[in-house]
Amino acid sequence: MTLLTNYSMYKKLFEIDDPKFYMKIWSLQKQCPLIILYNNLQINPGNFLSTLCFPKKKVKVDPENI
């Protein structure tokens, strides 16, 4: 979760787009499709990246239905 928030803040502040780094973070959702933060509070990394990091082209979350 720390990696996701730091990356979204970095991209928002500096407006630098690094597609290689984004794809590495994006590939993490296949290994860990859901992050449990506390008890029943959870986050989907793919949804987080697609809504807060504003990719240039349309992306699909993998797997779509968790």
C-alpha atoms as a PDB file:
ATOM      1  CA  MET A   1       0.000   0.000   0.000  1.00  0.00           C
ATOM      2  CA  THR A   2       2.892   2.348   0.745  1.00  0.00           C
ATOM      3  CA  LEU A   3       4.291   1.785  -2.740  1.00  0.00           C
ATOM      4  CA  LEU A   4       0.930   2.589  -4.339  1.00  0.00           C
ATOM      5  CA  THR A   5       0.393   5.791  -2.376  1.00  0.00           C
ATOM      6  CA  ASN A   6       3.963   6.996  -2.906  1.00  0.00           C
ATOM      7  CA  TYR A   7       3.749   6.344  -6.639  1.00  0.00           C
ATOM      8  CA  SER A   8       0.415   8.156  -6.989  1.00  0.00           C
ATOM      9  CA  MET A   9       1.740  11.151  -5.028  1.00  0.00           C
ATOM     10  CA  TYR A  10       4.975  11.207  -7.072  1.00  0.00           C
ATOM     11  CA  LYS A  11       3.041  11.132 -10.337  1.00  0.00           C
ATOM     12  CA  LYS A  12       0.621  13.845  -9.181  1.00  0.00           C
ATOM     13  CA  LEU A  13       3.334  16.190  -7.869  1.00  0.00           C
ATOM     14  CA  PHE A  14       5.962  15.869 -10.584  1.00  0.00           C
ATOM     15  CA  GLU A  15       3.724  14.863 -13.514  1.00  0.00           C
ATOM     16  CA  ILE A  16       6.385  12.448 -14.768  1.00  0.00           C
ATOM     17  CA  ASP A  17       5.116   9.381 -16.580  1.00  0.00           C
ATOM     18  CA  ASP A  18       7.368   6.307 -16.451  1.00  0.00           C
ATOM     19  CA  PRO A  19       5.584   3.502 -18.342  1.00  0.00           C
ATOM     20  CA  LYS A  20       8.124   0.808 -17.382  1.00  0.00           C
ATOM     21  CA  PHE A  21       7.716   1.493 -13.676  1.00  0.00           C
ATOM     22  CA  TYR A  22       3.938   1.715 -14.011  1.00  0.00           C
ATOM     23  CA  MET A  23       3.834  -1.692 -15.747  1.00  0.00           C
ATOM     24  CA  LYS A  24       5.931  -3.237 -12.963  1.00  0.00           C
ATOM     25  CA  ILE A  25       3.525  -1.935 -10.343  1.00  0.00           C
ATOM     26  CA  TRP A  26       0.556  -2.930 -12.519  1.00  0.00           C
ATOM     27  CA  SER A  27       1.864  -6.514 -12.749  1.00  0.00           C
ATOM     28  CA  LEU A  28       1.698  -6.773  -8.940  1.00  0.00           C
ATOM     29  CA  GLN A  29      -2.096  -7.005  -9.085  1.00  0.00           C
ATOM     30  CA  LYS A  30      -1.840 -10.495 -10.611  1.00  0.00           C
ATOM     31  CA  GLN A  31       0.160 -11.689  -7.616  1.00  0.00           C
ATOM     32  CA  CYS A  32      -1.809  -9.752  -5.029  1.00  0.00           C
ATOM     33  CA  PRO A  33      -5.260  -8.779  -6.331  1.00  0.00           C
ATOM     34  CA  LEU A  34      -6.473  -7.574  -2.939  1.00  0.00           C
ATOM     35  CA  ILE A  35      -4.671  -5.852  -0.062  1.00  0.00           C
ATOM     36  CA  ILE A  36      -6.259  -6.187   3.362  1.00  0.00           C
ATOM     37  CA  LEU A  37      -5.491  -3.019   5.313  1.00  0.00           C
ATOM     38  CA  TYR A  38      -7.307  -3.746   8.558  1.00  0.00           C
ATOM     39  CA  ASN A  39      -9.963  -6.305   9.487  1.00  0.00           C
ATOM     40  CA  ASN A  40     -12.503  -5.930   6.650  1.00  0.00           C
ATOM     41  CA  LEU A  41     -10.966  -2.779   5.113  1.00  0.00           C
ATOM     42  CA  GLN A  42      -9.467  -3.801   1.781  1.00  0.00           C
ATOM     43  CA  ILE A  43      -8.219  -2.220  -1.432  1.00  0.00           C
ATOM     44  CA  ASN A  44      -7.789  -3.466  -4.983  1.00  0.00           C
ATOM     45  CA  PRO A  45      -4.419  -2.228  -6.364  1.00  0.00           C
ATOM     46  CA  GLY A  46      -5.692  -2.271  -9.955  1.00  0.00           C
ATOM     47  CA  ASN A  47      -8.648  -0.041  -9.153  1.00  0.00           C
ATOM     48  CA  PHE A  48      -6.400   2.235  -7.102  1.00  0.00           C
ATOM     49  CA  LEU A  49      -3.922   2.664  -9.959  1.00  0.00           C
ATOM     50  CA  SER A  50      -6.573   3.142 -12.626  1.00  0.00           C
ATOM     51  CA  THR A  51      -8.438   5.830 -10.668  1.00  0.00           C
ATOM     52  CA  LEU A  52      -5.649   7.752  -8.933  1.00  0.00           C
ATOM     53  CA  CYS A  53      -2.691   7.438 -11.306  1.00  0.00           C
ATOM     54  CA  PHE A  54      -4.569   8.306 -14.495  1.00  0.00           C
ATOM     55  CA  PRO A  55      -3.015   6.016 -17.107  1.00  0.00           C
ATOM     56  CA  LYS A  56      -2.881   7.381 -20.665  1.00  0.00           C
ATOM     57  CA  LYS A  57      -4.793   4.490 -22.189  1.00  0.00           C
ATOM     58  CA  LYS A  58      -7.718   2.463 -20.898  1.00  0.00           C
ATOM     59  CA  VAL A  59      -6.641  -0.411 -18.631  1.00  0.00           C
ATOM     60  CA  LYS A  60      -8.475  -3.486 -17.364  1.00  0.00           C
ATOM     61  CA  VAL A  61      -8.103  -4.856 -13.871  1.00  0.00           C
ATOM     62  CA  ASP A  62      -6.867  -8.449 -13.753  1.00  0.00           C
ATOM     63  CA  PRO A  63      -8.722 -10.426 -12.452  1.00  0.00           C
ATOM     64  CA  GLU A  64     -11.866  -8.413 -13.137  1.00  0.00           C
ATOM     65  CA  ASN A  65     -14.071 -10.032 -10.528  1.00  0.00           C
ATOM     66  CA  ILE A  66     -12.399 -10.717  -7.189  1.00  0.00           C
END
